[in-house]
Amino acid sequence: MEGYTNVVDNDAGLAAQICSLIQARGLHLNPPRKEVICALCRQQEPVTAETLWLDICAMKRISISAVYTNLNMLVREGIAKRIHRPRAKSHYALRLQTSPNSSGKC
């Protein structure tokens, strides 16, 4: 999909960039928000909120409502895109482009 970047070699670096961007915008970076960002960075294609929730639940405890809340914030901030599909659940993908110097963890 043109304009979306979810396949990344350095997803931890991209997650760190997004976390920094969120903090620079004055938004709080709480543990659930950080988990949603990191999980979205690990995805190789657009995913549903439920798929993302299951991915996070394999490692951490998080509610489905926290996943939706944080995905909505990422969409509102222009970091992620909600993709509406006919007769299917919405999917989510990152809108940010990676930089070659990405490094670190969020």
PDB file of N, CA and C in Angstrom:
ATOM      1  N   MET A   1       0.830  -1.178   0.000  1.00  0.00           N
ATOM      2  CA  MET A   1       0.000   0.000   0.000  1.00  0.00           C
ATOM      3  C   MET A   1       0.872   1.239   0.000  1.00  0.00           C
ATOM      4  N   GLU A   2       0.675   2.081  -0.959  1.00  0.00           N
ATOM      5  CA  GLU A   2       1.460   3.291  -1.076  1.00  0.00           C
ATOM      6  C   GLU A   2       1.163   4.231   0.085  1.00  0.00           C
ATOM      7  N   GLY A   3       2.234   4.831   0.644  1.00  0.00           N
ATOM      8  CA  GLY A   3       2.050   5.782   1.723  1.00  0.00           C
ATOM      9  C   GLY A   3       2.049   5.179   3.118  1.00  0.00           C
ATOM     10  N   TYR A   4       2.173   3.869   3.211  1.00  0.00           N
ATOM     11  CA  TYR A   4       2.180   3.220   4.515  1.00  0.00           C
ATOM     12  C   TYR A   4       3.499   2.500   4.696  1.00  0.00           C
ATOM     13  N   THR A   5       4.021   2.557   5.900  1.00  0.00           N
ATOM     14  CA  THR A   5       5.275   1.887   6.194  1.00  0.00           C
ATOM     15  C   THR A   5       5.082   1.023   7.420  1.00  0.00           C
ATOM     16  N   ASN A   6       4.866  -0.249   7.243  1.00  0.00           N
ATOM     17  CA  ASN A   6       4.793  -1.165   8.368  1.00  0.00           C
ATOM     18  C   ASN A   6       5.874  -2.231   8.289  1.00  0.00           C
ATOM     19  N   VAL A   7       6.504  -2.406   7.158  1.00  0.00           N
ATOM     20  CA  VAL A   7       7.583  -3.370   7.036  1.00  0.00           C
ATOM     21  C   VAL A   7       8.870  -2.610   7.288  1.00  0.00           C
ATOM     22  N   VAL A   8       9.458  -2.848   8.453  1.00  0.00           N
ATOM     23  CA  VAL A   8      10.666  -2.124   8.817  1.00  0.00           C
ATOM     24  C   VAL A   8      11.690  -3.090   9.350  1.00  0.00           C
ATOM     25  N   ASP A   9      12.974  -2.805   9.040  1.00  0.00           N
ATOM     26  CA  ASP A   9      14.046  -3.630   9.560  1.00  0.00           C
ATOM     27  C   ASP A   9      14.332  -3.305  11.022  1.00  0.00           C
ATOM     28  N   ASN A  10      14.059  -2.078  11.406  1.00  0.00           N
ATOM     29  CA  ASN A  10      14.379  -1.636  12.747  1.00  0.00           C
ATOM     30  C   ASN A  10      13.123  -1.106  13.426  1.00  0.00           C
ATOM     31  N   ASP A  11      12.201  -2.008  13.777  1.00  0.00           N
ATOM     32  CA  ASP A  11      10.939  -1.552  14.348  1.00  0.00           C
ATOM     33  C   ASP A  11      11.124  -0.884  15.706  1.00  0.00           C
ATOM     34  N   ALA A  12      12.156  -1.258  16.458  1.00  0.00           N
ATOM     35  CA  ALA A  12      12.406  -0.596  17.746  1.00  0.00           C
ATOM     36  C   ALA A  12      12.812   0.851  17.515  1.00  0.00           C
ATOM     37  N   GLY A  13      13.582   1.108  16.470  1.00  0.00           N
ATOM     38  CA  GLY A  13      13.986   2.478  16.146  1.00  0.00           C
ATOM     39  C   GLY A  13      12.802   3.317  15.725  1.00  0.00           C
ATOM     40  N   LEU A  14      11.926   2.755  14.937  1.00  0.00           N
ATOM     41  CA  LEU A  14      10.731   3.473  14.510  1.00  0.00           C
ATOM     42  C   LEU A  14       9.827   3.740  15.709  1.00  0.00           C
ATOM     43  N   ALA A  15       9.687   2.760  16.572  1.00  0.00           N
ATOM     44  CA  ALA A  15       8.872   2.945  17.777  1.00  0.00           C
ATOM     45  C   ALA A  15       9.447   4.071  18.631  1.00  0.00           C
ATOM     46  N   ALA A  16      10.767   4.135  18.745  1.00  0.00           N
ATOM     47  CA  ALA A  16      11.410   5.202  19.520  1.00  0.00           C
ATOM     48  C   ALA A  16      11.131   6.561  18.890  1.00  0.00           C
ATOM     49  N   GLN A  17      11.148   6.634  17.571  1.00  0.00           N
ATOM     50  CA  GLN A  17      10.842   7.899  16.890  1.00  0.00           C
ATOM     51  C   GLN A  17       9.409   8.330  17.171  1.00  0.00           C
ATOM     52  N   ILE A  18       8.494   7.391  17.111  1.00  0.00           N
ATOM     53  CA  ILE A  18       7.084   7.708  17.360  1.00  0.00           C
ATOM     54  C   ILE A  18       6.888   8.129  18.812  1.00  0.00           C
ATOM     55  N   CYS A  19       7.512   7.425  19.742  1.00  0.00           N
ATOM     56  CA  CYS A  19       7.405   7.792  21.156  1.00  0.00           C
ATOM     57  C   CYS A  19       7.937   9.206  21.387  1.00  0.00           C
ATOM     58  N   SER A  20       9.057   9.525  20.767  1.00  0.00           N
ATOM     59  CA  SER A  20       9.630  10.870  20.894  1.00  0.00           C
ATOM     60  C   SER A  20       8.700  11.921  20.304  1.00  0.00           C
ATOM     61  N   LEU A  21       8.117  11.619  19.167  1.00  0.00           N
ATOM     62  CA  LEU A  21       7.192  12.536  18.508  1.00  0.00           C
ATOM     63  C   LEU A  21       5.969  12.804  19.391  1.00  0.00           C
ATOM     64  N   ILE A  22       5.445  11.759  19.989  1.00  0.00           N
ATOM     65  CA  ILE A  22       4.277  11.897  20.864  1.00  0.00           C
ATOM     66  C   ILE A  22       4.609  12.775  22.069  1.00  0.00           C
ATOM     67  N   GLN A  23       5.759  12.529  22.666  1.00  0.00           N
ATOM     68  CA  GLN A  23       6.163  13.331  23.817  1.00  0.00           C
ATOM     69  C   GLN A  23       6.417  14.787  23.407  1.00  0.00           C
ATOM     70  N   ALA A  24       7.002  14.996  22.231  1.00  0.00           N
ATOM     71  CA  ALA A  24       7.251  16.352  21.746  1.00  0.00           C
ATOM     72  C   ALA A  24       5.945  17.113  21.513  1.00  0.00           C
ATOM     73  N   ARG A  25       4.889  16.399  21.225  1.00  0.00           N
ATOM     74  CA  ARG A  25       3.574  17.023  21.031  1.00  0.00           C
ATOM     75  C   ARG A  25       2.836  17.229  22.350  1.00  0.00           C
ATOM     76  N   GLY A  26       3.499  16.893  23.448  1.00  0.00           N
ATOM     77  CA  GLY A  26       2.904  17.116  24.760  1.00  0.00           C
ATOM     78  C   GLY A  26       1.935  16.044  25.206  1.00  0.00           C
ATOM     79  N   LEU A  27       1.941  14.913  24.535  1.00  0.00           N
ATOM     80  CA  LEU A  27       1.056  13.809  24.905  1.00  0.00           C
ATOM     81  C   LEU A  27       1.775  12.868  25.859  1.00  0.00           C
ATOM     82  N   HIS A  28       1.019  12.300  26.762  1.00  0.00           N
ATOM     83  CA  HIS A  28       1.569  11.376  27.759  1.00  0.00           C
ATOM     84  C   HIS A  28       1.904  10.028  27.105  1.00  0.00           C
ATOM     85  N   LEU A  29       3.036   9.478  27.470  1.00  0.00           N
ATOM     86  CA  LEU A  29       3.450   8.175  26.949  1.00  0.00           C
ATOM     87  C   LEU A  29       3.326   7.144  28.070  1.00  0.00           C
ATOM     88  N   ASN A  30       2.116   6.599  28.232  1.00  0.00           N
ATOM     89  CA  ASN A  30       1.874   5.609  29.281  1.00  0.00           C
ATOM     90  C   ASN A  30       2.199   4.204  28.762  1.00  0.00           C
ATOM     91  N   PRO A  31       2.297   3.213  29.644  1.00  0.00           N
ATOM     92  CA  PRO A  31       2.656   1.860  29.204  1.00  0.00           C
ATOM     93  C   PRO A  31       1.738   1.272  28.124  1.00  0.00           C
ATOM     94  N   PRO A  32       0.413   1.388  28.220  1.00  0.00           N
ATOM     95  CA  PRO A  32      -0.418   0.836  27.140  1.00  0.00           C
ATOM     96  C   PRO A  32      -0.156   1.516  25.789  1.00  0.00           C
ATOM     97  N   ARG A  33       0.031   2.824  25.814  1.00  0.00           N
ATOM     98  CA  ARG A  33       0.304   3.558  24.576  1.00  0.00           C
ATOM     99  C   ARG A  33       1.610   3.074  23.950  1.00  0.00           C
ATOM    100  N   LYS A  34       2.607   2.898  24.791  1.00  0.00           N
ATOM    101  CA  LYS A  34       3.910   2.412  24.326  1.00  0.00           C
ATOM    102  C   LYS A  34       3.779   1.009  23.717  1.00  0.00           C
ATOM    103  N   GLU A  35       2.999   0.149  24.355  1.00  0.00           N
ATOM    104  CA  GLU A  35       2.807  -1.211  23.839  1.00  0.00           C
ATOM    105  C   GLU A  35       2.106  -1.208  22.482  1.00  0.00           C
ATOM    106  N   VAL A  36       1.093  -0.352  22.328  1.00  0.00           N
ATOM    107  CA  VAL A  36       0.375  -0.273  21.049  1.00  0.00           C
ATOM    108  C   VAL A  36       1.318   0.224  19.959  1.00  0.00           C
ATOM    109  N   ILE A  37       2.122   1.233  20.267  1.00  0.00           N
ATOM    110  CA  ILE A  37       3.083   1.756  19.290  1.00  0.00           C
ATOM    111  C   ILE A  37       4.069   0.673  18.882  1.00  0.00           C
ATOM    112  N   CYS A  38       4.658   0.012  19.847  1.00  0.00           N
ATOM    113  CA  CYS A  38       5.651  -1.025  19.551  1.00  0.00           C
ATOM    114  C   CYS A  38       5.034  -2.188  18.766  1.00  0.00           C
ATOM    115  N   ALA A  39       3.822  -2.581  19.138  1.00  0.00           N
ATOM    116  CA  ALA A  39       3.157  -3.686  18.427  1.00  0.00           C
ATOM    117  C   ALA A  39       2.809  -3.288  17.002  1.00  0.00           C
ATOM    118  N   LEU A  40       2.362  -2.059  16.792  1.00  0.00           N
ATOM    119  CA  LEU A  40       2.044  -1.603  15.442  1.00  0.00           C
ATOM    120  C   LEU A  40       3.300  -1.547  14.584  1.00  0.00           C
ATOM    121  N   CYS A  41       4.412  -1.189  15.179  1.00  0.00           N
ATOM    122  CA  CYS A  41       5.679  -1.155  14.447  1.00  0.00           C
ATOM    123  C   CYS A  41       6.150  -2.554  14.039  1.00  0.00           C
ATOM    124  N   ARG A  42       5.749  -3.567  14.779  1.00  0.00           N
ATOM    125  CA  ARG A  42       6.141  -4.947  14.451  1.00  0.00           C
ATOM    126  C   ARG A  42       5.322  -5.547  13.314  1.00  0.00           C
ATOM    127  N   GLN A  43       4.205  -4.942  12.979  1.00  0.00           N
ATOM    128  CA  GLN A  43       3.313  -5.519  11.965  1.00  0.00           C
ATOM    129  C   GLN A  43       3.891  -5.329  10.566  1.00  0.00           C
ATOM    130  N   GLN A  44       3.693  -6.318   9.730  1.00  0.00           N
ATOM    131  CA  GLN A  44       4.214  -6.262   8.371  1.00  0.00           C
ATOM    132  C   GLN A  44       3.161  -5.851   7.354  1.00  0.00           C
ATOM    133  N   GLU A  45       1.923  -5.683   7.817  1.00  0.00           N
ATOM    134  CA  GLU A  45       0.837  -5.228   6.951  1.00  0.00           C
ATOM    135  C   GLU A  45      -0.240  -4.618   7.835  1.00  0.00           C
ATOM    136  N   PRO A  46      -1.164  -3.865   7.258  1.00  0.00           N
ATOM    137  CA  PRO A  46      -2.236  -3.288   8.074  1.00  0.00           C
ATOM    138  C   PRO A  46      -2.984  -4.380   8.854  1.00  0.00           C
ATOM    139  N   VAL A  47      -3.338  -4.062  10.101  1.00  0.00           N
ATOM    140  CA  VAL A  47      -3.981  -5.039  10.986  1.00  0.00           C
ATOM    141  C   VAL A  47      -5.216  -4.443  11.641  1.00  0.00           C
ATOM    142  N   THR A  48      -6.094  -5.317  12.110  1.00  0.00           N
ATOM    143  CA  THR A  48      -7.248  -4.865  12.879  1.00  0.00           C
ATOM    144  C   THR A  48      -6.808  -4.591  14.318  1.00  0.00           C
ATOM    145  N   ALA A  49      -7.627  -3.854  15.029  1.00  0.00           N
ATOM    146  CA  ALA A  49      -7.347  -3.591  16.444  1.00  0.00           C
ATOM    147  C   ALA A  49      -7.310  -4.900  17.233  1.00  0.00           C
ATOM    148  N   GLU A  50      -8.191  -5.829  16.872  1.00  0.00           N
ATOM    149  CA  GLU A  50      -8.236  -7.113  17.573  1.00  0.00           C
ATOM    150  C   GLU A  50      -6.955  -7.917  17.360  1.00  0.00           C
ATOM    151  N   THR A  51      -6.441  -7.907  16.152  1.00  0.00           N
ATOM    152  CA  THR A  51      -5.185  -8.609  15.864  1.00  0.00           C
ATOM    153  C   THR A  51      -4.045  -7.993  16.650  1.00  0.00           C
ATOM    154  N   LEU A  52      -4.015  -6.675  16.700  1.00  0.00           N
ATOM    155  CA  LEU A  52      -2.983  -5.977  17.459  1.00  0.00           C
ATOM    156  C   LEU A  52      -3.108  -6.301  18.945  1.00  0.00           C
ATOM    157  N   TRP A  53      -4.335  -6.320  19.447  1.00  0.00           N
ATOM    158  CA  TRP A  53      -4.586  -6.644  20.849  1.00  0.00           C
ATOM    159  C   TRP A  53      -4.073  -8.047  21.172  1.00  0.00           C
ATOM    160  N   LEU A  54      -4.360  -9.013  20.306  1.00  0.00           N
ATOM    161  CA  LEU A  54      -3.892 -10.379  20.534  1.00  0.00           C
ATOM    162  C   LEU A  54      -2.367 -10.451  20.524  1.00  0.00           C
ATOM    163  N   ASP A  55      -1.733  -9.683  19.654  1.00  0.00           N
ATOM    164  CA  ASP A  55      -0.268  -9.638  19.591  1.00  0.00           C
ATOM    165  C   ASP A  55       0.300  -9.115  20.911  1.00  0.00           C
ATOM    166  N   ILE A  56      -0.297  -8.051  21.427  1.00  0.00           N
ATOM    167  CA  ILE A  56       0.175  -7.473  22.690  1.00  0.00           C
ATOM    168  C   ILE A  56      -0.111  -8.417  23.853  1.00  0.00           C
ATOM    169  N   CYS A  57      -1.292  -9.025  23.865  1.00  0.00           N
ATOM    170  CA  CYS A  57      -1.684  -9.924  24.961  1.00  0.00           C
ATOM    171  C   CYS A  57      -0.773 -11.136  25.088  1.00  0.00           C
ATOM    172  N   ALA A  58      -0.081 -11.482  24.032  1.00  0.00           N
ATOM    173  CA  ALA A  58       0.856 -12.599  24.104  1.00  0.00           C
ATOM    174  C   ALA A  58       2.017 -12.273  25.041  1.00  0.00           C
ATOM    175  N   MET A  59       2.260 -10.967  25.283  1.00  0.00           N
ATOM    176  CA  MET A  59       3.391 -10.557  26.121  1.00  0.00           C
ATOM    177  C   MET A  59       2.992  -9.714  27.329  1.00  0.00           C
ATOM    178  N   LYS A  60       1.956  -8.913  27.180  1.00  0.00           N
ATOM    179  CA  LYS A  60       1.566  -7.961  28.224  1.00  0.00           C
ATOM    180  C   LYS A  60       0.061  -8.004  28.441  1.00  0.00           C
ATOM    181  N   ARG A  61      -0.361  -7.483  29.556  1.00  0.00           N
ATOM    182  CA  ARG A  61      -1.788  -7.378  29.853  1.00  0.00           C
ATOM    183  C   ARG A  61      -2.270  -6.000  29.407  1.00  0.00           C
ATOM    184  N   ILE A  62      -3.308  -5.983  28.567  1.00  0.00           N
ATOM    185  CA  ILE A  62      -3.865  -4.727  28.059  1.00  0.00           C
ATOM    186  C   ILE A  62      -5.318  -4.979  27.668  1.00  0.00           C
ATOM    187  N   SER A  63      -6.156  -3.981  27.837  1.00  0.00           N
ATOM    188  CA  SER A  63      -7.562  -4.140  27.453  1.00  0.00           C
ATOM    189  C   SER A  63      -7.739  -3.780  25.976  1.00  0.00           C
ATOM    190  N   ILE A  64      -8.758  -4.335  25.370  1.00  0.00           N
ATOM    191  CA  ILE A  64      -9.064  -4.012  23.976  1.00  0.00           C
ATOM    192  C   ILE A  64      -9.426  -2.538  23.853  1.00  0.00           C
ATOM    193  N   SER A  65     -10.073  -1.974  24.880  1.00  0.00           N
ATOM    194  CA  SER A  65     -10.427  -0.549  24.820  1.00  0.00           C
ATOM    195  C   SER A  65      -9.175   0.330  24.828  1.00  0.00           C
ATOM    196  N   ALA A  66      -8.130  -0.085  25.537  1.00  0.00           N
ATOM    197  CA  ALA A  66      -6.865   0.669  25.526  1.00  0.00           C
ATOM    198  C   ALA A  66      -6.240   0.636  24.138  1.00  0.00           C
ATOM    199  N   VAL A  67      -6.354  -0.497  23.457  1.00  0.00           N
ATOM    200  CA  VAL A  67      -5.824  -0.600  22.089  1.00  0.00           C
ATOM    201  C   VAL A  67      -6.583   0.357  21.178  1.00  0.00           C
ATOM    202  N   TYR A  68      -7.913   0.334  21.231  1.00  0.00           N
ATOM    203  CA  TYR A  68      -8.712   1.242  20.403  1.00  0.00           C
ATOM    204  C   TYR A  68      -8.429   2.711  20.734  1.00  0.00           C
ATOM    205  N   THR A  69      -8.361   3.033  22.009  1.00  0.00           N
ATOM    206  CA  THR A  69      -8.099   4.415  22.423  1.00  0.00           C
ATOM    207  C   THR A  69      -6.776   4.913  21.850  1.00  0.00           C
ATOM    208  N   ASN A  70      -5.760   4.089  21.952  1.00  0.00           N
ATOM    209  CA  ASN A  70      -4.439   4.502  21.483  1.00  0.00           C
ATOM    210  C   ASN A  70      -4.324   4.491  19.967  1.00  0.00           C
ATOM    211  N   LEU A  71      -4.985   3.568  19.303  1.00  0.00           N
ATOM    212  CA  LEU A  71      -5.007   3.607  17.837  1.00  0.00           C
ATOM    213  C   LEU A  71      -5.712   4.875  17.356  1.00  0.00           C
ATOM    214  N   ASN A  72      -6.819   5.230  18.007  1.00  0.00           N
ATOM    215  CA  ASN A  72      -7.531   6.455  17.629  1.00  0.00           C
ATOM    216  C   ASN A  72      -6.653   7.687  17.820  1.00  0.00           C
ATOM    217  N   MET A  73      -5.869   7.719  18.901  1.00  0.00           N
ATOM    218  CA  MET A  73      -4.950   8.832  19.133  1.00  0.00           C
ATOM    219  C   MET A  73      -3.893   8.884  18.034  1.00  0.00           C
ATOM    220  N   LEU A  74      -3.342   7.734  17.659  1.00  0.00           N
ATOM    221  CA  LEU A  74      -2.330   7.694  16.604  1.00  0.00           C
ATOM    222  C   LEU A  74      -2.901   8.162  15.266  1.00  0.00           C
ATOM    223  N   VAL A  75      -4.133   7.802  14.989  1.00  0.00           N
ATOM    224  CA  VAL A  75      -4.803   8.265  13.763  1.00  0.00           C
ATOM    225  C   VAL A  75      -5.021   9.777  13.839  1.00  0.00           C
ATOM    226  N   ARG A  76      -5.527  10.251  14.958  1.00  0.00           N
ATOM    227  CA  ARG A  76      -5.798  11.682  15.146  1.00  0.00           C
ATOM    228  C   ARG A  76      -4.520  12.513  14.998  1.00  0.00           C
ATOM    229  N   GLU A  77      -3.397  11.977  15.467  1.00  0.00           N
ATOM    230  CA  GLU A  77      -2.118  12.678  15.395  1.00  0.00           C
ATOM    231  C   GLU A  77      -1.426  12.519  14.037  1.00  0.00           C
ATOM    232  N   GLY A  78      -2.021  11.737  13.140  1.00  0.00           N
ATOM    233  CA  GLY A  78      -1.442  11.568  11.810  1.00  0.00           C
ATOM    234  C   GLY A  78      -0.303  10.570  11.750  1.00  0.00           C
ATOM    235  N   ILE A  79      -0.126   9.790  12.796  1.00  0.00           N
ATOM    236  CA  ILE A  79       0.954   8.810  12.863  1.00  0.00           C
ATOM    237  C   ILE A  79       0.519   7.494  12.238  1.00  0.00           C
ATOM    238  N   ALA A  80      -0.743   7.164  12.389  1.00  0.00           N
ATOM    239  CA  ALA A  80      -1.301   5.939  11.803  1.00  0.00           C
ATOM    240  C   ALA A  80      -2.488   6.308  10.931  1.00  0.00           C
ATOM    241  N   LYS A  81      -2.885   5.382  10.110  1.00  0.00           N
ATOM    242  CA  LYS A  81      -4.021   5.561   9.195  1.00  0.00           C
ATOM    243  C   LYS A  81      -5.024   4.457   9.444  1.00  0.00           C
ATOM    244  N   ARG A  82      -6.292   4.830   9.528  1.00  0.00           N
ATOM    245  CA  ARG A  82      -7.368   3.848   9.614  1.00  0.00           C
ATOM    246  C   ARG A  82      -7.794   3.541   8.184  1.00  0.00           C
ATOM    247  N   ILE A  83      -7.799   2.276   7.841  1.00  0.00           N
ATOM    248  CA  ILE A  83      -8.147   1.850   6.483  1.00  0.00           C
ATOM    249  C   ILE A  83      -9.506   1.167   6.551  1.00  0.00           C
ATOM    250  N   HIS A  84     -10.482   1.788   5.929  1.00  0.00           N
ATOM    251  CA  HIS A  84     -11.833   1.229   5.904  1.00  0.00           C
ATOM    252  C   HIS A  84     -11.932   0.247   4.738  1.00  0.00           C
ATOM    253  N   ARG A  85     -12.386  -0.945   5.030  1.00  0.00           N
ATOM    254  CA  ARG A  85     -12.547  -1.967   4.001  1.00  0.00           C
ATOM    255  C   ARG A  85     -14.014  -2.363   3.929  1.00  0.00           C
ATOM    256  N   PRO A  86     -14.546  -2.493   2.711  1.00  0.00           N
ATOM    257  CA  PRO A  86     -15.966  -2.877   2.578  1.00  0.00           C
ATOM    258  C   PRO A  86     -16.261  -4.200   3.280  1.00  0.00           C
ATOM    259  N   ARG A  87     -17.319  -4.217   4.058  1.00  0.00           N
ATOM    260  CA  ARG A  87     -17.788  -5.415   4.757  1.00  0.00           C
ATOM    261  C   ARG A  87     -16.695  -6.088   5.594  1.00  0.00           C
ATOM    262  N   ALA A  88     -15.801  -5.277   6.134  1.00  0.00           N
ATOM    263  CA  ALA A  88     -14.736  -5.814   6.988  1.00  0.00           C
ATOM    264  C   ALA A  88     -14.406  -4.789   8.073  1.00  0.00           C
ATOM    265  N   LYS A  89     -13.713  -5.235   9.089  1.00  0.00           N
ATOM    266  CA  LYS A  89     -13.292  -4.342  10.158  1.00  0.00           C
ATOM    267  C   LYS A  89     -12.208  -3.400   9.641  1.00  0.00           C
ATOM    268  N   SER A  90     -12.124  -2.236  10.271  1.00  0.00           N
ATOM    269  CA  SER A  90     -11.067  -1.284   9.923  1.00  0.00           C
ATOM    270  C   SER A  90      -9.707  -1.895  10.229  1.00  0.00           C
ATOM    271  N   HIS A  91      -8.747  -1.547   9.409  1.00  0.00           N
ATOM    272  CA  HIS A  91      -7.366  -1.954   9.610  1.00  0.00           C
ATOM    273  C   HIS A  91      -6.545  -0.698   9.888  1.00  0.00           C
ATOM    274  N   TYR A  92      -5.394  -0.880  10.507  1.00  0.00           N
ATOM    275  CA  TYR A  92      -4.538   0.234  10.881  1.00  0.00           C
ATOM    276  C   TYR A  92      -3.127  -0.005  10.373  1.00  0.00           C
ATOM    277  N   ALA A  93      -2.479   1.076   9.940  1.00  0.00           N
ATOM    278  CA  ALA A  93      -1.104   1.014   9.455  1.00  0.00           C
ATOM    279  C   ALA A  93      -0.409   2.317   9.812  1.00  0.00           C
ATOM    280  N   LEU A  94       0.901   2.263   9.917  1.00  0.00           N
ATOM    281  CA  LEU A  94       1.678   3.469  10.185  1.00  0.00           C
ATOM    282  C   LEU A  94       1.738   4.345   8.948  1.00  0.00           C
ATOM    283  N   ARG A  95       1.832   5.649   9.167  1.00  0.00           N
ATOM    284  CA  ARG A  95       1.990   6.598   8.071  1.00  0.00           C
ATOM    285  C   ARG A  95       3.409   7.131   8.017  1.00  0.00           C
ATOM    286  N   LEU A  96       4.198   6.941   9.057  1.00  0.00           N
ATOM    287  CA  LEU A  96       5.538   7.507   9.131  1.00  0.00           C
ATOM    288  C   LEU A  96       6.515   6.752   8.252  1.00  0.00           C
ATOM    289  N   GLN A  97       7.447   7.471   7.713  1.00  0.00           N
ATOM    290  CA  GLN A  97       8.528   6.859   6.953  1.00  0.00           C
ATOM    291  C   GLN A  97       9.696   6.628   7.900  1.00  0.00           C
ATOM    292  N   THR A  98      10.431   5.555   7.687  1.00  0.00           N
ATOM    293  CA  THR A  98      11.585   5.267   8.533  1.00  0.00           C
ATOM    294  C   THR A  98      12.776   6.069   8.034  1.00  0.00           C
ATOM    295  N   SER A  99      13.704   6.346   8.942  1.00  0.00           N
ATOM    296  CA  SER A  99      14.944   6.994   8.533  1.00  0.00           C
ATOM    297  C   SER A  99      16.057   5.978   8.695  1.00  0.00           C
ATOM    298  N   PRO A 100      17.121   6.094   7.876  1.00  0.00           N
ATOM    299  CA  PRO A 100      18.192   5.107   7.950  1.00  0.00           C
ATOM    300  C   PRO A 100      18.932   5.117   9.280  1.00  0.00           C
ATOM    301  N   ASN A 101      18.819   6.202  10.053  1.00  0.00           N
ATOM    302  CA  ASN A 101      19.540   6.298  11.318  1.00  0.00           C
ATOM    303  C   ASN A 101      18.684   5.940  12.515  1.00  0.00           C
ATOM    304  N   SER A 102      17.556   5.261  12.302  1.00  0.00           N
ATOM    305  CA  SER A 102      16.686   4.882  13.414  1.00  0.00           C
ATOM    306  C   SER A 102      17.409   3.939  14.350  1.00  0.00           C
ATOM    307  N   SER A 103      17.279   4.207  15.642  1.00  0.00           N
ATOM    308  CA  SER A 103      17.858   3.284  16.617  1.00  0.00           C
ATOM    309  C   SER A 103      17.224   3.531  17.973  1.00  0.00           C
ATOM    310  N   GLY A 104      17.413   2.598  18.868  1.00  0.00           N
ATOM    311  CA  GLY A 104      16.889   2.763  20.214  1.00  0.00           C
ATOM    312  C   GLY A 104      15.543   2.102  20.397  1.00  0.00           C
ATOM    313  N   LYS A 105      15.041   2.208  21.624  1.00  0.00           N
ATOM    314  CA  LYS A 105      13.744   1.616  21.949  1.00  0.00           C
ATOM    315  C   LYS A 105      12.879   2.676  22.585  1.00  0.00           C
ATOM    316  N   CYS A 106      11.578   2.509  22.447  1.00  0.00           N
ATOM    317  CA  CYS A 106      10.691   3.463  23.118  1.00  0.00           C
ATOM    318  C   CYS A 106      10.431   3.001  24.529  1.00  0.00           C
TER     319      CYS A 106
END
